[in-house]
Amino acid sequence: MNRRHLLLGLSGLVVSGALAGTARAAQTLYDPGVELYTVRDALKADPVGTFKKLHAIGYRHIETSNLAGMTAQAFKAALDEADMKATATHVGLADLMSNPEATLDDNLVLGAKYAVMAWIPQDQRGDWAMWADRMNHWGELAKERGVVFGYHNHDFEFVGKGPEMPFHILLERTDPELVIIELDCYWCSLAGHDPVHVLEEHGDRIKTLHLKDKTPSGDMAPVGEGIIPWDKVLKVAKAKGVEQVYVEHDNPTDGFVSLASSYKYLKGV
């Protein structure tokens, strides 16, 4: 190899090393939490054991998908035993409709800042303005308790264009002081939208993220095993004020293996 080629080769190594360093720097911007839906069966069978396995991977905080049949007090005790904490909850629509005050009070018991509405059934999705008004009401109840109310997207909120898109209706009709968005990067991407762009455009409303990757064929994958540009996602999220990120996989072969893979990627190890 002559000197010119040697210098070019070294230059390429420096550039690739710098890019890798940039990616690692972005990946370690957050201390990731776990959305417990990933290990829902294990949680139901053995809550404390599940929390201890998550702790052993490296996770220190969680977002609930439900309370696995326990009271909020028992759930908090199980977290404490494993040296874990809840920073967010997913709250069910039925609970919000029937007894929102008690549902939000569970956040106080758990010590979780965010209470996130997780899902609207298909047969109830028609009137998005109505849902926005209800979210504002639940947001008021949450604010009275020092809790922050939010909404978690899937792909159906991104159907349509412009002001008719449900995602845009929710942004327009909900009060920023009462309702935040939890952006699920996988579902956003699956709907054909770049989560980086969504964060750039609406990052002032987005305070939490769900991190799960998407393969070229559209399948769900652990973080770092798909095509979502996480270095860009996380850097923009941090710049826009996103506070928490939660790793999730809806139907993994082994939830703990999936979560371990995502954690290693996100922590750059």
Protein backbone atom coordinates (compact mmCIF):
# COMPACT_ATOMS: atom_id res chain seq x y z
CA MET A 1 0.00 0.00 0.00
CA ASN A 2 1.48 3.41 -0.95
CA ARG A 3 1.45 6.38 1.40
CA ARG A 4 -1.57 8.00 -0.24
CA HIS A 5 -3.69 4.90 0.09
CA LEU A 6 -2.48 4.39 3.62
CA LEU A 7 -3.53 7.92 4.59
CA LEU A 8 -6.91 7.49 2.90
CA GLY A 9 -7.42 4.25 4.77
CA LEU A 10 -6.53 5.84 8.09
CA SER A 11 -8.83 8.76 7.29
CA GLY A 12 -11.68 6.32 6.66
CA LEU A 13 -11.02 4.62 9.98
CA VAL A 14 -11.09 7.97 11.78
CA VAL A 15 -14.38 8.93 10.11
CA SER A 16 -16.03 5.57 10.80
CA GLY A 17 -14.76 5.69 14.37
CA ALA A 18 -16.16 9.17 14.81
CA LEU A 19 -19.54 8.08 13.44
CA ALA A 20 -19.58 5.06 15.73
CA GLY A 21 -18.70 7.31 18.65
CA THR A 22 -21.52 9.69 17.72
CA ALA A 23 -23.98 6.80 17.60
CA ARG A 24 -22.82 5.51 20.98
CA ALA A 25 -23.09 8.99 22.46
CA ALA A 26 -26.68 9.25 21.24
CA GLN A 27 -27.52 5.78 22.50
CA THR A 28 -26.43 6.59 26.04
CA LEU A 29 -28.43 9.83 26.34
CA TYR A 30 -31.14 8.04 28.34
CA ASP A 31 -31.40 5.52 31.13
CA PRO A 32 -33.98 3.30 29.39
CA GLY A 33 -36.94 1.83 31.20
CA VAL A 34 -39.07 -1.21 30.37
CA GLU A 35 -42.68 -1.29 29.22
CA LEU A 36 -43.87 -4.36 31.11
CA TYR A 37 -46.15 -5.55 28.32
CA THR A 38 -43.00 -7.18 26.93
CA VAL A 39 -42.89 -9.63 29.88
CA ARG A 40 -46.57 -9.67 30.78
CA ASP A 41 -46.85 -13.45 31.26
CA ALA A 42 -43.74 -13.65 33.44
CA LEU A 43 -44.96 -10.68 35.47
CA LYS A 44 -48.29 -12.31 36.20
CA ALA A 45 -46.61 -15.54 37.29
CA ASP A 46 -43.83 -14.02 39.39
CA PRO A 47 -43.78 -10.24 39.84
CA VAL A 48 -40.76 -9.97 42.13
CA GLY A 49 -38.77 -12.50 40.10
CA THR A 50 -39.57 -10.61 36.92
CA PHE A 51 -38.44 -7.31 38.40
CA LYS A 52 -35.22 -8.90 39.66
CA LYS A 53 -34.47 -10.29 36.18
CA LEU A 54 -34.98 -6.84 34.68
CA HIS A 55 -32.71 -5.36 37.34
CA ALA A 56 -30.03 -7.94 36.52
CA ILE A 57 -30.14 -6.87 32.85
CA GLY A 58 -29.53 -3.28 33.94
CA TYR A 59 -32.96 -1.68 33.94
CA ARG A 60 -33.96 0.39 36.95
CA HIS A 61 -37.41 1.73 36.09
CA ILE A 62 -40.57 0.55 34.39
CA GLU A 63 -43.84 1.57 32.80
CA THR A 64 -46.78 -0.63 33.75
CA SER A 65 -49.06 -2.24 31.19
CA ASN A 66 -51.40 -3.19 34.04
CA LEU A 67 -50.95 -4.18 37.67
CA ALA A 68 -50.98 -7.94 37.01
CA GLY A 69 -53.96 -8.46 39.30
CA MET A 70 -52.31 -6.73 42.27
CA THR A 71 -53.24 -3.62 44.16
CA ALA A 72 -51.05 -0.60 43.56
CA GLN A 73 -49.66 -1.05 47.08
CA ALA A 74 -48.66 -4.68 46.44
CA PHE A 75 -47.20 -3.77 43.06
CA LYS A 76 -45.11 -1.01 44.65
CA ALA A 77 -43.86 -3.42 47.30
CA ALA A 78 -42.76 -5.90 44.63
CA LEU A 79 -40.88 -3.14 42.82
CA ASP A 80 -39.22 -2.03 46.05
CA GLU A 81 -38.09 -5.57 46.82
CA ALA A 82 -36.27 -5.67 43.48
CA ASP A 83 -34.88 -2.12 43.80
CA MET A 84 -36.96 -0.93 40.86
CA LYS A 85 -39.32 2.01 40.46
CA ALA A 86 -42.30 2.94 38.31
CA THR A 87 -41.95 6.17 36.34
CA ALA A 88 -45.05 5.75 34.17
CA THR A 89 -48.23 3.70 33.93
CA HIS A 90 -50.44 2.61 31.09
CA VAL A 91 -54.05 3.15 32.08
CA GLY A 92 -56.92 1.28 30.47
CA LEU A 93 -59.84 2.98 28.78
CA ALA A 94 -62.40 1.04 30.79
CA ASP A 95 -60.82 2.20 34.05
CA LEU A 96 -60.67 5.80 32.84
CA MET A 97 -64.30 5.70 31.82
CA SER A 98 -65.59 4.05 34.99
CA ASN A 99 -63.40 5.50 37.75
CA PRO A 100 -60.69 7.89 36.54
CA GLU A 101 -59.95 9.29 39.98
CA ALA A 102 -59.08 5.90 41.49
CA THR A 103 -57.12 4.96 38.39
CA LEU A 104 -54.99 8.09 38.63
CA ASP A 105 -54.62 7.69 42.38
CA ASP A 106 -52.71 4.47 41.66
CA ASN A 107 -49.98 6.62 40.12
CA LEU A 108 -49.60 8.38 43.45
CA VAL A 109 -49.16 5.06 45.25
CA LEU A 110 -46.61 3.88 42.68
CA GLY A 111 -44.80 7.21 42.54
CA ALA A 112 -45.14 7.32 38.75
CA LYS A 113 -45.17 10.72 37.05
CA TYR A 114 -46.94 9.76 33.82
CA ALA A 115 -50.35 8.11 33.35
CA VAL A 116 -50.69 7.17 29.69
CA MET A 117 -53.86 6.12 27.90
CA ALA A 118 -52.70 3.10 25.94
CA TRP A 119 -55.37 2.19 23.41
CA ILE A 120 -58.73 3.02 21.85
CA PRO A 121 -60.64 -0.01 20.53
CA GLN A 122 -61.36 -0.02 16.80
CA ASP A 123 -65.12 0.30 17.20
CA GLN A 124 -64.72 3.48 19.27
CA ARG A 125 -62.23 5.48 17.19
CA GLY A 126 -64.56 7.55 15.07
CA ASP A 127 -64.88 10.87 16.87
CA TRP A 128 -61.34 12.00 17.60
CA ALA A 129 -62.37 15.47 18.71
CA MET A 130 -64.55 13.86 21.37
CA TRP A 131 -61.62 11.75 22.55
CA ALA A 132 -59.44 14.85 22.73
CA ASP A 133 -62.04 16.53 24.95
CA ARG A 134 -62.13 13.50 27.23
CA MET A 135 -58.35 13.45 27.42
CA ASN A 136 -58.40 17.09 28.49
CA HIS A 137 -60.79 16.17 31.31
CA TRP A 138 -58.62 13.26 32.43
CA GLY A 139 -55.61 15.54 32.12
CA GLU A 140 -57.22 17.98 34.53
CA LEU A 141 -57.85 15.20 37.05
CA ALA A 142 -54.25 14.05 36.66
CA LYS A 143 -52.85 17.57 37.08
CA GLU A 144 -54.80 17.97 40.33
CA ARG A 145 -52.79 14.99 41.61
CA GLY A 146 -49.42 16.13 40.32
CA VAL A 147 -49.56 13.46 37.59
CA VAL A 148 -49.06 14.06 33.87
CA PHE A 149 -51.65 12.51 31.54
CA GLY A 150 -50.63 11.23 28.13
CA TYR A 151 -51.72 9.32 25.05
CA HIS A 152 -49.80 6.49 23.38
CA ASN A 153 -50.12 6.03 19.63
CA HIS A 154 -50.31 2.98 17.40
CA ASP A 155 -50.41 3.15 13.60
CA PHE A 156 -54.10 4.04 13.17
CA GLU A 157 -53.64 7.59 14.47
CA PHE A 158 -51.52 8.32 11.38
CA VAL A 159 -54.14 7.32 8.81
CA GLY A 160 -55.20 10.18 6.54
CA LYS A 161 -53.58 13.47 5.67
CA GLY A 162 -53.32 16.98 7.02
CA PRO A 163 -55.86 18.18 9.57
CA GLU A 164 -58.00 15.03 9.14
CA MET A 165 -55.25 12.78 10.51
CA PRO A 166 -56.24 11.62 14.03
CA PHE A 167 -52.76 12.37 15.35
CA HIS A 168 -53.11 15.97 14.21
CA ILE A 169 -56.63 16.26 15.62
CA LEU A 170 -55.40 15.10 19.01
CA LEU A 171 -52.51 17.56 18.93
CA GLU A 172 -54.81 20.39 17.92
CA ARG A 173 -57.67 19.65 20.33
CA THR A 174 -55.80 18.60 23.48
CA ASP A 175 -54.42 21.21 25.86
CA PRO A 176 -50.59 21.08 25.97
CA GLU A 177 -50.79 21.84 29.68
CA LEU A 178 -52.94 18.77 30.28
CA VAL A 179 -52.03 16.08 27.72
CA ILE A 180 -48.65 14.89 26.45
CA ILE A 181 -47.88 12.35 23.73
CA GLU A 182 -45.99 9.11 24.24
CA LEU A 183 -44.59 8.43 20.76
CA ASP A 184 -44.26 4.77 19.85
CA CYS A 185 -41.47 4.84 17.27
CA TYR A 186 -42.28 1.44 15.77
CA TRP A 187 -45.96 2.11 15.13
CA CYS A 188 -45.18 5.57 13.82
CA SER A 189 -42.64 4.10 11.38
CA LEU A 190 -44.95 1.25 10.39
CA ALA A 191 -47.58 3.84 9.44
CA GLY A 192 -45.07 5.37 7.03
CA HIS A 193 -43.89 8.29 9.15
CA ASP A 194 -40.34 9.03 10.21
CA PRO A 195 -40.18 9.29 14.03
CA VAL A 196 -37.30 11.75 13.67
CA HIS A 197 -39.53 14.07 11.63
CA VAL A 198 -42.43 13.67 14.06
CA LEU A 199 -40.13 14.57 16.94
CA GLU A 200 -38.76 17.57 15.07
CA GLU A 201 -42.26 18.82 14.29
CA HIS A 202 -44.09 17.95 17.52
CA GLY A 203 -41.35 17.33 20.07
CA ASP A 204 -42.75 20.00 22.37
CA ARG A 205 -45.76 17.72 22.99
CA ILE A 206 -43.82 14.44 23.25
CA LYS A 207 -42.42 13.62 26.68
CA THR A 208 -41.96 9.84 26.57
CA LEU A 209 -41.00 7.35 23.86
CA HIS A 210 -41.50 3.66 23.19
CA LEU A 211 -38.40 2.14 21.67
CA LYS A 212 -38.81 -0.92 19.49
CA ASP A 213 -37.26 -1.48 16.10
CA LYS A 214 -38.71 -2.30 12.71
CA THR A 215 -37.19 -4.68 10.18
CA PRO A 216 -37.26 -3.88 6.44
CA SER A 217 -40.26 -6.20 6.12
CA GLY A 218 -42.14 -4.35 8.89
CA ASP A 219 -41.72 -6.88 11.69
CA MET A 220 -41.02 -5.77 15.24
CA ALA A 221 -37.46 -6.26 16.51
CA PRO A 222 -35.27 -5.43 19.50
CA VAL A 223 -33.75 -1.96 19.42
CA GLY A 224 -30.73 -1.85 17.13
CA GLU A 225 -31.78 -4.86 15.05
CA GLY A 226 -33.89 -2.97 12.51
CA ILE A 227 -33.84 0.14 10.35
CA ILE A 228 -35.02 2.93 12.66
CA PRO A 229 -32.12 5.45 13.03
CA TRP A 230 -31.86 5.46 16.81
CA ASP A 231 -28.88 7.80 16.97
CA LYS A 232 -30.98 10.50 15.27
CA VAL A 233 -34.16 9.63 17.16
CA LEU A 234 -32.52 9.89 20.57
CA LYS A 235 -30.52 13.03 19.81
CA VAL A 236 -33.61 14.87 18.56
CA ALA A 237 -35.67 13.53 21.47
CA LYS A 238 -33.15 14.85 23.98
CA ALA A 239 -32.96 18.23 22.26
CA LYS A 240 -36.77 18.50 22.25
CA GLY A 241 -37.16 17.67 25.93
CA VAL A 242 -38.32 14.03 25.91
CA GLU A 243 -37.88 12.86 29.50
CA GLN A 244 -38.25 9.08 29.51
CA VAL A 245 -37.84 6.20 27.06
CA TYR A 246 -39.20 2.68 27.47
CA VAL A 247 -38.07 -0.43 25.62
CA GLU A 248 -40.86 -2.69 24.40
CA HIS A 249 -41.53 -5.65 22.13
CA ASP A 250 -45.14 -6.75 21.78
CA ASN A 251 -44.62 -10.44 21.01
CA PRO A 252 -41.00 -11.52 21.52
CA THR A 253 -39.93 -15.16 21.49
CA ASP A 254 -38.28 -14.49 24.85
CA GLY A 255 -39.04 -11.13 26.44
CA PHE A 256 -35.96 -11.06 28.66
CA VAL A 257 -33.62 -11.91 25.77
CA SER A 258 -35.22 -9.18 23.67
CA LEU A 259 -34.94 -6.62 26.47
CA ALA A 260 -31.31 -7.58 27.13
CA SER A 261 -30.44 -7.11 23.46
CA SER A 262 -32.10 -3.68 23.38
CA TYR A 263 -30.40 -2.63 26.61
CA LYS A 264 -26.93 -3.57 25.35
CA TYR A 265 -27.49 -1.57 22.20
CA LEU A 266 -28.86 1.47 24.01
CA LYS A 267 -26.04 1.52 26.56
CA GLY A 268 -23.37 0.92 23.93
CA VAL A 269 -22.06 -2.31 25.44
